[in-house]
Amino acid sequence: MKNTRILFIAALILSVGMQAEAKKVNLKYQLKAGTEFKYEVAMSQESAQEVMGNSQSSTTSTTTTLDFKVLEVTSTGDMNMKAALVALSLTGTSPAGEMKFNSATDTVIPEFAKMSSLGLNQYYTFTLSPLGKITDLKAPEGFVEKLDKLIAEQGAATMGMGAVAGAAAGPEGFQKSLEGIFLTFPEGGAEVKKPWNVESKINQMVPMKVNSKYELMNSTKETNELKVNSQISVDPDAPPMDIQGMKMSFELVGAKEGKIMLDAVTGLINAVEATTSISGNISIEGPQLPTPMSIPMTVRMTEKISKK
């Protein structure tokens, strides 16, 4: 009788363990060689700041389309791929005026869009692991040199937003774009309502640290639904920005909340909707100013990603 009870308890423990293991969802990328797809990323931003008692606001909307192709799948499941920006639309209003550009219809590229549009139809190559790690990113031959030349030609007058656009168009910025489309999955799978953390960095005028918590909310044979909550802060290791002899430093914090729908078979994003809010102060000091200047600032961004 005693042995029977021991066997029953052992079987019960094994059964519970198997049930717990069955709850794990194996999140990973599984793409075939030759697979092609596109993503449209739409971002809108509203910002407000107060300079010497005067309130200033601006709005920008950016829509980009990225084209992807899987070139090869290795024996380890890694996917060698190529990708490029193939469409770009920019609109915005600010105290300096309005700006508008659409690569699909405009034959003349305005100055503000030259750096962003330089990457149009320029295919990068990279490797994507099943868990979403991006490695071996390579820019098209001669592209970085073209970008550096354009930055030098535009000069100090466009150093602020121009430098940001240049960084976004370059290899580091392109990798960040890819990281927004290919998530980092946890090893061994994910359980419903058991979050995992991912740390990353972004560059929105200033390097910022992002600590994101992903949580699997629901799983079916077709779709996995994730929730993301991110805490955003200025990278403490980032030096002040130097603009025409003045030092600009940032004290900004924020948060991001969003919902992500994944294809349960391929692991690819089907859709993303997210909102980010950032606020704080910009401090400026330099010999041109009698006293240091502090500028309160708020930024609100909405992001939508859809597979085409």
C-alpha atoms as a PDB file:
ATOM      1  CA  MET A   1       0.000   0.000   0.000  1.00  0.00           C
ATOM      2  CA  LYS A   2       2.848   2.342   0.868  1.00  0.00           C
ATOM      3  CA  ASN A   3       4.567   1.688  -2.449  1.00  0.00           C
ATOM      4  CA  THR A   4       1.302   2.313  -4.301  1.00  0.00           C
ATOM      5  CA  ARG A   5       0.951   5.694  -2.578  1.00  0.00           C
ATOM      6  CA  ILE A   6       4.524   6.634  -3.497  1.00  0.00           C
ATOM      7  CA  LEU A   7       3.944   5.674  -7.105  1.00  0.00           C
ATOM      8  CA  PHE A   8       0.709   7.693  -7.169  1.00  0.00           C
ATOM      9  CA  ILE A   9       2.447  10.808  -5.772  1.00  0.00           C
ATOM     10  CA  ALA A  10       5.322  10.416  -8.267  1.00  0.00           C
ATOM     11  CA  ALA A  11       2.843  10.088 -11.136  1.00  0.00           C
ATOM     12  CA  LEU A  12       0.957  13.152  -9.907  1.00  0.00           C
ATOM     13  CA  ILE A  13       4.148  15.233  -9.711  1.00  0.00           C
ATOM     14  CA  LEU A  14       5.146  14.092 -13.204  1.00  0.00           C
ATOM     15  CA  SER A  15       1.681  14.937 -14.531  1.00  0.00           C
ATOM     16  CA  VAL A  16       1.753  18.433 -13.021  1.00  0.00           C
ATOM     17  CA  GLY A  17       5.253  18.987 -14.418  1.00  0.00           C
ATOM     18  CA  MET A  18       4.143  17.939 -17.887  1.00  0.00           C
ATOM     19  CA  GLN A  19       1.117  20.257 -17.692  1.00  0.00           C
ATOM     20  CA  ALA A  20       3.312  23.191 -16.639  1.00  0.00           C
ATOM     21  CA  GLU A  21       5.702  22.453 -19.484  1.00  0.00           C
ATOM     22  CA  ALA A  22       2.799  22.298 -21.938  1.00  0.00           C
ATOM     23  CA  LYS A  23       1.837  25.866 -21.050  1.00  0.00           C
ATOM     24  CA  LYS A  24       5.080  27.173 -22.557  1.00  0.00           C
ATOM     25  CA  VAL A  25       4.815  28.675 -26.023  1.00  0.00           C
ATOM     26  CA  ASN A  26       7.877  28.235 -28.221  1.00  0.00           C
ATOM     27  CA  LEU A  27       8.323  31.737 -29.618  1.00  0.00           C
ATOM     28  CA  LYS A  28      10.828  31.788 -32.465  1.00  0.00           C
ATOM     29  CA  TYR A  29      11.329  32.810 -36.073  1.00  0.00           C
ATOM     30  CA  GLN A  30      10.814  30.054 -38.627  1.00  0.00           C
ATOM     31  CA  LEU A  31      11.161  31.405 -42.157  1.00  0.00           C
ATOM     32  CA  LYS A  32      11.887  29.591 -45.398  1.00  0.00           C
ATOM     33  CA  ALA A  33      14.474  30.581 -47.984  1.00  0.00           C
ATOM     34  CA  GLY A  34      12.874  32.761 -50.639  1.00  0.00           C
ATOM     35  CA  THR A  35      10.212  34.183 -48.296  1.00  0.00           C
ATOM     36  CA  GLU A  36       9.457  37.836 -49.080  1.00  0.00           C
ATOM     37  CA  PHE A  37       7.424  40.341 -47.060  1.00  0.00           C
ATOM     38  CA  LYS A  38       7.069  44.053 -46.328  1.00  0.00           C
ATOM     39  CA  TYR A  39       6.355  46.106 -43.224  1.00  0.00           C
ATOM     40  CA  GLU A  40       4.804  49.541 -43.001  1.00  0.00           C
ATOM     41  CA  VAL A  41       5.829  51.540 -39.940  1.00  0.00           C
ATOM     42  CA  ALA A  42       3.778  54.663 -39.192  1.00  0.00           C
ATOM     43  CA  MET A  43       4.922  56.996 -36.409  1.00  0.00           C
ATOM     44  CA  SER A  44       3.463  60.325 -35.341  1.00  0.00           C
ATOM     45  CA  GLN A  45       4.960  62.651 -32.756  1.00  0.00           C
ATOM     46  CA  GLU A  46       3.703  65.696 -30.897  1.00  0.00           C
ATOM     47  CA  SER A  47       6.231  67.734 -28.926  1.00  0.00           C
ATOM     48  CA  ALA A  48       5.929  70.890 -26.858  1.00  0.00           C
ATOM     49  CA  GLN A  49       8.580  72.998 -25.172  1.00  0.00           C
ATOM     50  CA  GLU A  50       8.816  76.330 -23.407  1.00  0.00           C
ATOM     51  CA  VAL A  51      11.676  78.663 -24.340  1.00  0.00           C
ATOM     52  CA  MET A  52      12.061  81.925 -22.370  1.00  0.00           C
ATOM     53  CA  GLY A  53       8.361  81.978 -21.526  1.00  0.00           C
ATOM     54  CA  ASN A  54       7.214  81.181 -25.062  1.00  0.00           C
ATOM     55  CA  SER A  55       5.489  77.877 -25.790  1.00  0.00           C
ATOM     56  CA  GLN A  56       6.462  76.102 -28.993  1.00  0.00           C
ATOM     57  CA  SER A  57       4.947  72.960 -30.436  1.00  0.00           C
ATOM     58  CA  SER A  58       5.609  70.728 -33.419  1.00  0.00           C
ATOM     59  CA  THR A  59       4.118  67.653 -35.015  1.00  0.00           C
ATOM     60  CA  THR A  60       5.710  65.101 -37.332  1.00  0.00           C
ATOM     61  CA  SER A  61       4.408  62.007 -39.084  1.00  0.00           C
ATOM     62  CA  THR A  62       6.668  59.453 -40.711  1.00  0.00           C
ATOM     63  CA  THR A  63       5.617  56.393 -42.692  1.00  0.00           C
ATOM     64  CA  THR A  64       8.249  53.982 -43.926  1.00  0.00           C
ATOM     65  CA  THR A  65       7.994  50.722 -45.852  1.00  0.00           C
ATOM     66  CA  LEU A  66      10.716  48.099 -45.456  1.00  0.00           C
ATOM     67  CA  ASP A  67      11.171  45.226 -47.900  1.00  0.00           C
ATOM     68  CA  PHE A  68      12.585  41.867 -46.728  1.00  0.00           C
ATOM     69  CA  LYS A  69      13.758  38.663 -48.389  1.00  0.00           C
ATOM     70  CA  VAL A  70      15.156  35.494 -46.806  1.00  0.00           C
ATOM     71  CA  LEU A  71      18.236  34.523 -48.822  1.00  0.00           C
ATOM     72  CA  GLU A  72      19.221  31.351 -46.982  1.00  0.00           C
ATOM     73  CA  VAL A  73      18.402  29.300 -43.879  1.00  0.00           C
ATOM     74  CA  THR A  74      21.426  27.672 -42.253  1.00  0.00           C
ATOM     75  CA  SER A  75      21.599  24.277 -40.545  1.00  0.00           C
ATOM     76  CA  THR A  76      21.250  26.038 -37.152  1.00  0.00           C
ATOM     77  CA  GLY A  77      18.050  27.793 -38.232  1.00  0.00           C
ATOM     78  CA  ASP A  78      19.677  31.208 -38.658  1.00  0.00           C
ATOM     79  CA  MET A  79      18.215  33.209 -41.535  1.00  0.00           C
ATOM     80  CA  ASN A  80      20.463  35.217 -43.839  1.00  0.00           C
ATOM     81  CA  MET A  81      18.350  38.091 -45.122  1.00  0.00           C
ATOM     82  CA  LYS A  82      18.378  41.357 -47.021  1.00  0.00           C
ATOM     83  CA  ALA A  83      16.233  44.432 -46.362  1.00  0.00           C
ATOM     84  CA  ALA A  84      15.831  47.994 -47.581  1.00  0.00           C
ATOM     85  CA  LEU A  85      13.751  51.099 -47.103  1.00  0.00           C
ATOM     86  CA  VAL A  86      11.593  51.218 -50.252  1.00  0.00           C
ATOM     87  CA  ALA A  87       9.097  54.000 -49.456  1.00  0.00           C
ATOM     88  CA  LEU A  88       9.186  57.110 -47.260  1.00  0.00           C
ATOM     89  CA  SER A  89       6.624  59.758 -46.380  1.00  0.00           C
ATOM     90  CA  LEU A  90       7.350  62.731 -44.070  1.00  0.00           C
ATOM     91  CA  THR A  91       5.032  65.524 -42.933  1.00  0.00           C
ATOM     92  CA  GLY A  92       5.406  68.027 -40.138  1.00  0.00           C
ATOM     93  CA  THR A  93       4.677  71.450 -38.737  1.00  0.00           C
ATOM     94  CA  SER A  94       6.862  73.556 -36.442  1.00  0.00           C
ATOM     95  CA  PRO A  95       7.556  77.240 -35.688  1.00  0.00           C
ATOM     96  CA  ALA A  96       9.934  77.136 -38.668  1.00  0.00           C
ATOM     97  CA  GLY A  97       7.106  76.161 -41.045  1.00  0.00           C
ATOM     98  CA  GLU A  98       5.715  73.082 -42.736  1.00  0.00           C
ATOM     99  CA  MET A  99       7.503  70.185 -44.352  1.00  0.00           C
ATOM    100  CA  LYS A 100       6.191  67.468 -46.636  1.00  0.00           C
ATOM    101  CA  PHE A 101       7.801  64.733 -48.722  1.00  0.00           C
ATOM    102  CA  ASN A 102       6.560  61.504 -50.309  1.00  0.00           C
ATOM    103  CA  SER A 103       9.046  59.317 -52.154  1.00  0.00           C
ATOM    104  CA  ALA A 104       6.255  57.744 -54.211  1.00  0.00           C
ATOM    105  CA  THR A 105       5.155  61.028 -55.812  1.00  0.00           C
ATOM    106  CA  ASP A 106       7.842  63.704 -55.339  1.00  0.00           C
ATOM    107  CA  THR A 107      10.641  63.920 -57.887  1.00  0.00           C
ATOM    108  CA  VAL A 108      12.543  66.658 -56.011  1.00  0.00           C
ATOM    109  CA  ILE A 109      13.875  65.803 -52.540  1.00  0.00           C
ATOM    110  CA  PRO A 110      13.814  68.770 -50.114  1.00  0.00           C
ATOM    111  CA  GLU A 111      16.818  69.440 -47.891  1.00  0.00           C
ATOM    112  CA  PHE A 112      15.166  68.137 -44.711  1.00  0.00           C
ATOM    113  CA  ALA A 113      14.480  64.737 -46.347  1.00  0.00           C
ATOM    114  CA  LYS A 114      17.814  64.166 -48.102  1.00  0.00           C
ATOM    115  CA  MET A 115      19.470  62.152 -45.349  1.00  0.00           C
ATOM    116  CA  SER A 116      16.406  60.031 -44.607  1.00  0.00           C
ATOM    117  CA  SER A 117      15.792  59.307 -48.289  1.00  0.00           C
ATOM    118  CA  LEU A 118      19.422  58.472 -49.061  1.00  0.00           C
ATOM    119  CA  GLY A 119      18.746  54.894 -47.920  1.00  0.00           C
ATOM    120  CA  LEU A 120      15.858  54.322 -50.337  1.00  0.00           C
ATOM    121  CA  ASN A 121      16.290  51.007 -52.172  1.00  0.00           C
ATOM    122  CA  GLN A 122      19.690  50.450 -50.564  1.00  0.00           C
ATOM    123  CA  TYR A 123      19.681  46.806 -49.439  1.00  0.00           C
ATOM    124  CA  TYR A 124      21.431  45.838 -46.222  1.00  0.00           C
ATOM    125  CA  THR A 125      22.251  42.201 -45.451  1.00  0.00           C
ATOM    126  CA  PHE A 126      22.049  40.652 -41.978  1.00  0.00           C
ATOM    127  CA  THR A 127      21.516  37.408 -40.080  1.00  0.00           C
ATOM    128  CA  LEU A 128      18.463  36.766 -37.899  1.00  0.00           C
ATOM    129  CA  SER A 129      18.601  34.008 -35.274  1.00  0.00           C
ATOM    130  CA  PRO A 130      15.482  32.001 -34.342  1.00  0.00           C
ATOM    131  CA  LEU A 131      15.287  34.000 -31.075  1.00  0.00           C
ATOM    132  CA  GLY A 132      15.527  37.366 -32.836  1.00  0.00           C
ATOM    133  CA  LYS A 133      19.196  38.289 -32.467  1.00  0.00           C
ATOM    134  CA  ILE A 134      20.428  40.409 -35.396  1.00  0.00           C
ATOM    135  CA  THR A 135      24.081  40.035 -36.374  1.00  0.00           C
ATOM    136  CA  ASP A 136      26.446  40.605 -39.314  1.00  0.00           C
ATOM    137  CA  LEU A 137      24.609  43.703 -40.545  1.00  0.00           C
ATOM    138  CA  LYS A 138      26.342  45.045 -43.649  1.00  0.00           C
ATOM    139  CA  ALA A 139      25.523  48.268 -45.485  1.00  0.00           C
ATOM    140  CA  PRO A 140      25.513  48.422 -49.300  1.00  0.00           C
ATOM    141  CA  GLU A 141      28.938  49.071 -50.766  1.00  0.00           C
ATOM    142  CA  GLY A 142      29.801  52.766 -50.692  1.00  0.00           C
ATOM    143  CA  PHE A 143      26.647  53.787 -48.817  1.00  0.00           C
ATOM    144  CA  VAL A 144      28.318  54.908 -45.580  1.00  0.00           C
ATOM    145  CA  GLU A 145      30.737  57.077 -47.556  1.00  0.00           C
ATOM    146  CA  LYS A 146      27.817  58.733 -49.385  1.00  0.00           C
ATOM    147  CA  LEU A 147      26.080  59.404 -46.061  1.00  0.00           C
ATOM    148  CA  ASP A 148      29.211  60.909 -44.482  1.00  0.00           C
ATOM    149  CA  LYS A 149      29.668  63.156 -47.511  1.00  0.00           C
ATOM    150  CA  LEU A 150      26.058  64.400 -47.312  1.00  0.00           C
ATOM    151  CA  ILE A 151      26.392  65.146 -43.584  1.00  0.00           C
ATOM    152  CA  ALA A 152      29.562  67.165 -44.287  1.00  0.00           C
ATOM    153  CA  GLU A 153      27.868  69.061 -47.132  1.00  0.00           C
ATOM    154  CA  GLN A 154      24.856  70.029 -45.043  1.00  0.00           C
ATOM    155  CA  GLY A 155      27.133  71.425 -42.345  1.00  0.00           C
ATOM    156  CA  ALA A 156      26.455  72.917 -38.933  1.00  0.00           C
ATOM    157  CA  ALA A 157      23.224  74.618 -39.985  1.00  0.00           C
ATOM    158  CA  THR A 158      21.485  71.246 -40.036  1.00  0.00           C
ATOM    159  CA  MET A 159      23.553  69.575 -37.326  1.00  0.00           C
ATOM    160  CA  GLY A 160      20.601  69.112 -34.940  1.00  0.00           C
ATOM    161  CA  MET A 161      17.917  67.224 -36.873  1.00  0.00           C
ATOM    162  CA  GLY A 162      20.353  66.467 -39.683  1.00  0.00           C
ATOM    163  CA  ALA A 163      22.607  64.505 -37.375  1.00  0.00           C
ATOM    164  CA  VAL A 164      19.616  62.546 -36.065  1.00  0.00           C
ATOM    165  CA  ALA A 165      18.442  61.790 -39.613  1.00  0.00           C
ATOM    166  CA  GLY A 166      21.965  60.794 -40.593  1.00  0.00           C
ATOM    167  CA  ALA A 167      22.261  58.406 -37.650  1.00  0.00           C
ATOM    168  CA  ALA A 168      18.867  56.894 -38.492  1.00  0.00           C
ATOM    169  CA  ALA A 169      19.868  56.352 -42.119  1.00  0.00           C
ATOM    170  CA  GLY A 170      23.198  54.713 -41.231  1.00  0.00           C
ATOM    171  CA  PRO A 171      23.913  51.096 -40.212  1.00  0.00           C
ATOM    172  CA  GLU A 172      23.269  51.660 -36.502  1.00  0.00           C
ATOM    173  CA  GLY A 173      19.934  53.344 -37.174  1.00  0.00           C
ATOM    174  CA  PHE A 174      18.929  50.638 -39.663  1.00  0.00           C
ATOM    175  CA  GLN A 175      19.705  47.945 -37.094  1.00  0.00           C
ATOM    176  CA  LYS A 176      17.482  49.761 -34.572  1.00  0.00           C
ATOM    177  CA  SER A 177      14.706  49.751 -37.163  1.00  0.00           C
ATOM    178  CA  LEU A 178      15.125  45.997 -37.567  1.00  0.00           C
ATOM    179  CA  GLU A 179      15.058  45.500 -33.798  1.00  0.00           C
ATOM    180  CA  GLY A 180      11.678  47.248 -33.756  1.00  0.00           C
ATOM    181  CA  ILE A 181      10.330  44.631 -36.178  1.00  0.00           C
ATOM    182  CA  PHE A 182      12.084  41.476 -34.929  1.00  0.00           C
ATOM    183  CA  LEU A 183      11.550  40.949 -31.208  1.00  0.00           C
ATOM    184  CA  THR A 184      13.972  39.206 -28.859  1.00  0.00           C
ATOM    185  CA  PHE A 185      12.320  36.007 -27.615  1.00  0.00           C
ATOM    186  CA  PRO A 186      13.184  34.231 -24.343  1.00  0.00           C
ATOM    187  CA  GLU A 187      15.117  30.974 -24.470  1.00  0.00           C
ATOM    188  CA  GLY A 188      12.991  27.925 -23.773  1.00  0.00           C
ATOM    189  CA  GLY A 189       9.725  29.629 -24.686  1.00  0.00           C
ATOM    190  CA  ALA A 190       7.301  31.871 -22.813  1.00  0.00           C
ATOM    191  CA  GLU A 191       4.420  31.205 -20.461  1.00  0.00           C
ATOM    192  CA  VAL A 192       1.171  33.125 -20.464  1.00  0.00           C
ATOM    193  CA  LYS A 193       1.318  36.030 -17.969  1.00  0.00           C
ATOM    194  CA  LYS A 194       5.018  35.341 -17.224  1.00  0.00           C
ATOM    195  CA  PRO A 195       6.923  38.454 -18.477  1.00  0.00           C
ATOM    196  CA  TRP A 196      10.511  38.658 -19.690  1.00  0.00           C
ATOM    197  CA  ASN A 197      12.743  41.733 -19.866  1.00  0.00           C
ATOM    198  CA  VAL A 198      14.757  43.146 -22.747  1.00  0.00           C
ATOM    199  CA  GLU A 199      17.153  46.088 -22.422  1.00  0.00           C
ATOM    200  CA  SER A 200      18.037  48.225 -25.432  1.00  0.00           C
ATOM    201  CA  LYS A 201      19.100  51.718 -26.469  1.00  0.00           C
ATOM    202  CA  ILE A 202      17.530  54.218 -28.844  1.00  0.00           C
ATOM    203  CA  ASN A 203      18.692  57.572 -30.151  1.00  0.00           C
ATOM    204  CA  GLN A 204      15.979  60.241 -30.260  1.00  0.00           C
ATOM    205  CA  MET A 205      18.161  63.382 -30.339  1.00  0.00           C
ATOM    206  CA  VAL A 206      19.960  61.832 -27.358  1.00  0.00           C
ATOM    207  CA  PRO A 207      20.875  58.223 -26.449  1.00  0.00           C
ATOM    208  CA  MET A 208      18.234  56.714 -24.177  1.00  0.00           C
ATOM    209  CA  LYS A 209      17.993  53.426 -22.310  1.00  0.00           C
ATOM    210  CA  VAL A 210      14.860  51.328 -22.687  1.00  0.00           C
ATOM    211  CA  ASN A 211      13.918  48.563 -20.256  1.00  0.00           C
ATOM    212  CA  SER A 212      11.017  46.652 -21.804  1.00  0.00           C
ATOM    213  CA  LYS A 213       8.823  44.031 -20.159  1.00  0.00           C
ATOM    214  CA  TYR A 214       7.093  41.691 -22.628  1.00  0.00           C
ATOM    215  CA  GLU A 215       4.209  39.494 -21.547  1.00  0.00           C
ATOM    216  CA  LEU A 216       2.406  36.754 -23.464  1.00  0.00           C
ATOM    217  CA  MET A 217      -1.293  37.483 -22.936  1.00  0.00           C
ATOM    218  CA  ASN A 218      -2.929  34.891 -25.161  1.00  0.00           C
ATOM    219  CA  SER A 219      -1.860  32.101 -27.489  1.00  0.00           C
ATOM    220  CA  THR A 220      -3.695  30.211 -30.242  1.00  0.00           C
ATOM    221  CA  LYS A 221      -2.592  28.057 -33.169  1.00  0.00           C
ATOM    222  CA  GLU A 222      -2.659  31.147 -35.395  1.00  0.00           C
ATOM    223  CA  THR A 223      -1.701  34.104 -33.197  1.00  0.00           C
ATOM    224  CA  ASN A 224       0.303  35.029 -30.117  1.00  0.00           C
ATOM    225  CA  GLU A 225      -0.715  38.264 -28.390  1.00  0.00           C
ATOM    226  CA  LEU A 226       1.926  40.162 -26.420  1.00  0.00           C
ATOM    227  CA  LYS A 227       1.793  43.216 -24.183  1.00  0.00           C
ATOM    228  CA  VAL A 228       4.812  45.499 -23.830  1.00  0.00           C
ATOM    229  CA  ASN A 229       5.564  48.030 -21.102  1.00  0.00           C
ATOM    230  CA  SER A 230       8.807  49.984 -21.324  1.00  0.00           C
ATOM    231  CA  GLN A 231      10.561  52.428 -19.001  1.00  0.00           C
ATOM    232  CA  ILE A 232      12.665  55.016 -20.827  1.00  0.00           C
ATOM    233  CA  SER A 233      15.437  57.214 -19.438  1.00  0.00           C
ATOM    234  CA  VAL A 234      18.468  59.119 -20.695  1.00  0.00           C
ATOM    235  CA  ASP A 235      21.562  56.952 -20.963  1.00  0.00           C
ATOM    236  CA  PRO A 236      23.706  58.121 -18.001  1.00  0.00           C
ATOM    237  CA  ASP A 237      26.867  57.325 -19.965  1.00  0.00           C
ATOM    238  CA  ALA A 238      25.913  59.653 -22.856  1.00  0.00           C
ATOM    239  CA  PRO A 239      27.961  62.891 -22.963  1.00  0.00           C
ATOM    240  CA  PRO A 240      26.228  66.271 -23.459  1.00  0.00           C
ATOM    241  CA  MET A 241      25.477  67.183 -27.072  1.00  0.00           C
ATOM    242  CA  ASP A 242      27.820  69.817 -28.485  1.00  0.00           C
ATOM    243  CA  ILE A 243      26.069  72.242 -30.850  1.00  0.00           C
ATOM    244  CA  GLN A 244      28.021  75.271 -32.074  1.00  0.00           C
ATOM    245  CA  GLY A 245      30.034  75.572 -28.862  1.00  0.00           C
ATOM    246  CA  MET A 246      27.076  75.056 -26.522  1.00  0.00           C
ATOM    247  CA  LYS A 247      26.550  72.014 -24.327  1.00  0.00           C
ATOM    248  CA  MET A 248      23.071  70.504 -24.347  1.00  0.00           C
ATOM    249  CA  SER A 249      22.134  67.896 -21.741  1.00  0.00           C
ATOM    250  CA  PHE A 250      18.847  66.093 -21.177  1.00  0.00           C
ATOM    251  CA  GLU A 251      16.850  65.000 -18.156  1.00  0.00           C
ATOM    252  CA  LEU A 252      14.041  63.015 -19.734  1.00  0.00           C
ATOM    253  CA  VAL A 253      12.025  60.000 -18.609  1.00  0.00           C
ATOM    254  CA  GLY A 254       9.077  58.225 -20.124  1.00  0.00           C
ATOM    255  CA  ALA A 255       7.140  55.054 -20.717  1.00  0.00           C
ATOM    256  CA  LYS A 256       5.789  53.014 -23.595  1.00  0.00           C
ATOM    257  CA  GLU A 257       2.721  50.779 -23.658  1.00  0.00           C
ATOM    258  CA  GLY A 258       1.611  48.643 -26.550  1.00  0.00           C
ATOM    259  CA  LYS A 259       0.069  45.477 -27.963  1.00  0.00           C
ATOM    260  CA  ILE A 260       1.810  43.133 -30.393  1.00  0.00           C
ATOM    261  CA  MET A 261       0.199  40.403 -32.498  1.00  0.00           C
ATOM    262  CA  LEU A 262       2.539  37.657 -33.743  1.00  0.00           C
ATOM    263  CA  ASP A 263       2.053  34.939 -36.328  1.00  0.00           C
ATOM    264  CA  ALA A 264       2.243  31.717 -34.302  1.00  0.00           C
ATOM    265  CA  VAL A 265       3.944  29.780 -37.117  1.00  0.00           C
ATOM    266  CA  THR A 266       6.570  32.183 -38.481  1.00  0.00           C
ATOM    267  CA  GLY A 267       7.039  34.356 -35.382  1.00  0.00           C
ATOM    268  CA  LEU A 268       6.673  37.497 -37.495  1.00  0.00           C
ATOM    269  CA  ILE A 269       4.766  40.523 -36.260  1.00  0.00           C
ATOM    270  CA  ASN A 270       1.318  40.874 -37.807  1.00  0.00           C
ATOM    271  CA  ALA A 271       0.526  44.211 -36.145  1.00  0.00           C
ATOM    272  CA  VAL A 272       1.747  46.596 -33.428  1.00  0.00           C
ATOM    273  CA  GLU A 273       0.029  49.499 -31.720  1.00  0.00           C
ATOM    274  CA  ALA A 274       1.994  51.458 -29.100  1.00  0.00           C
ATOM    275  CA  THR A 275       2.088  54.836 -27.390  1.00  0.00           C
ATOM    276  CA  THR A 276       5.139  56.516 -25.841  1.00  0.00           C
ATOM    277  CA  SER A 277       5.197  59.559 -23.553  1.00  0.00           C
ATOM    278  CA  ILE A 278       8.419  61.353 -22.546  1.00  0.00           C
ATOM    279  CA  SER A 279       8.866  64.492 -20.473  1.00  0.00           C
ATOM    280  CA  GLY A 280      11.564  66.447 -18.654  1.00  0.00           C
ATOM    281  CA  ASN A 281      14.037  69.264 -19.211  1.00  0.00           C
ATOM    282  CA  ILE A 282      16.735  70.225 -21.696  1.00  0.00           C
ATOM    283  CA  SER A 283      19.618  72.211 -20.217  1.00  0.00           C
ATOM    284  CA  ILE A 284      21.822  74.439 -22.401  1.00  0.00           C
ATOM    285  CA  GLU A 285      24.942  76.290 -21.354  1.00  0.00           C
ATOM    286  CA  GLY A 286      27.763  78.007 -23.195  1.00  0.00           C
ATOM    287  CA  PRO A 287      29.688  81.260 -23.618  1.00  0.00           C
ATOM    288  CA  GLN A 288      26.912  82.662 -25.828  1.00  0.00           C
ATOM    289  CA  LEU A 289      24.432  82.530 -22.921  1.00  0.00           C
ATOM    290  CA  PRO A 290      24.602  84.803 -19.850  1.00  0.00           C
ATOM    291  CA  THR A 291      23.183  82.000 -17.680  1.00  0.00           C
ATOM    292  CA  PRO A 292      22.358  78.335 -18.297  1.00  0.00           C
ATOM    293  CA  MET A 293      18.940  77.782 -19.885  1.00  0.00           C
ATOM    294  CA  SER A 294      16.422  75.115 -18.858  1.00  0.00           C
ATOM    295  CA  ILE A 295      13.712  74.140 -21.347  1.00  0.00           C
ATOM    296  CA  PRO A 296      10.752  72.005 -20.194  1.00  0.00           C
ATOM    297  CA  MET A 297       9.737  69.508 -22.878  1.00  0.00           C
ATOM    298  CA  THR A 298       7.061  66.866 -23.476  1.00  0.00           C
ATOM    299  CA  VAL A 299       6.868  64.337 -26.308  1.00  0.00           C
ATOM    300  CA  ARG A 300       4.069  61.941 -27.198  1.00  0.00           C
ATOM    301  CA  MET A 301       4.507  59.336 -29.939  1.00  0.00           C
ATOM    302  CA  THR A 302       2.155  56.773 -31.456  1.00  0.00           C
ATOM    303  CA  GLU A 303       3.438  53.835 -33.456  1.00  0.00           C
ATOM    304  CA  LYS A 304       1.706  51.384 -35.750  1.00  0.00           C
ATOM    305  CA  ILE A 305       3.408  48.500 -37.559  1.00  0.00           C
ATOM    306  CA  SER A 306       1.596  46.314 -40.066  1.00  0.00           C
ATOM    307  CA  LYS A 307       2.752  43.430 -42.246  1.00  0.00           C
ATOM    308  CA  LYS A 308       1.978  43.887 -45.951  1.00  0.00           C
END
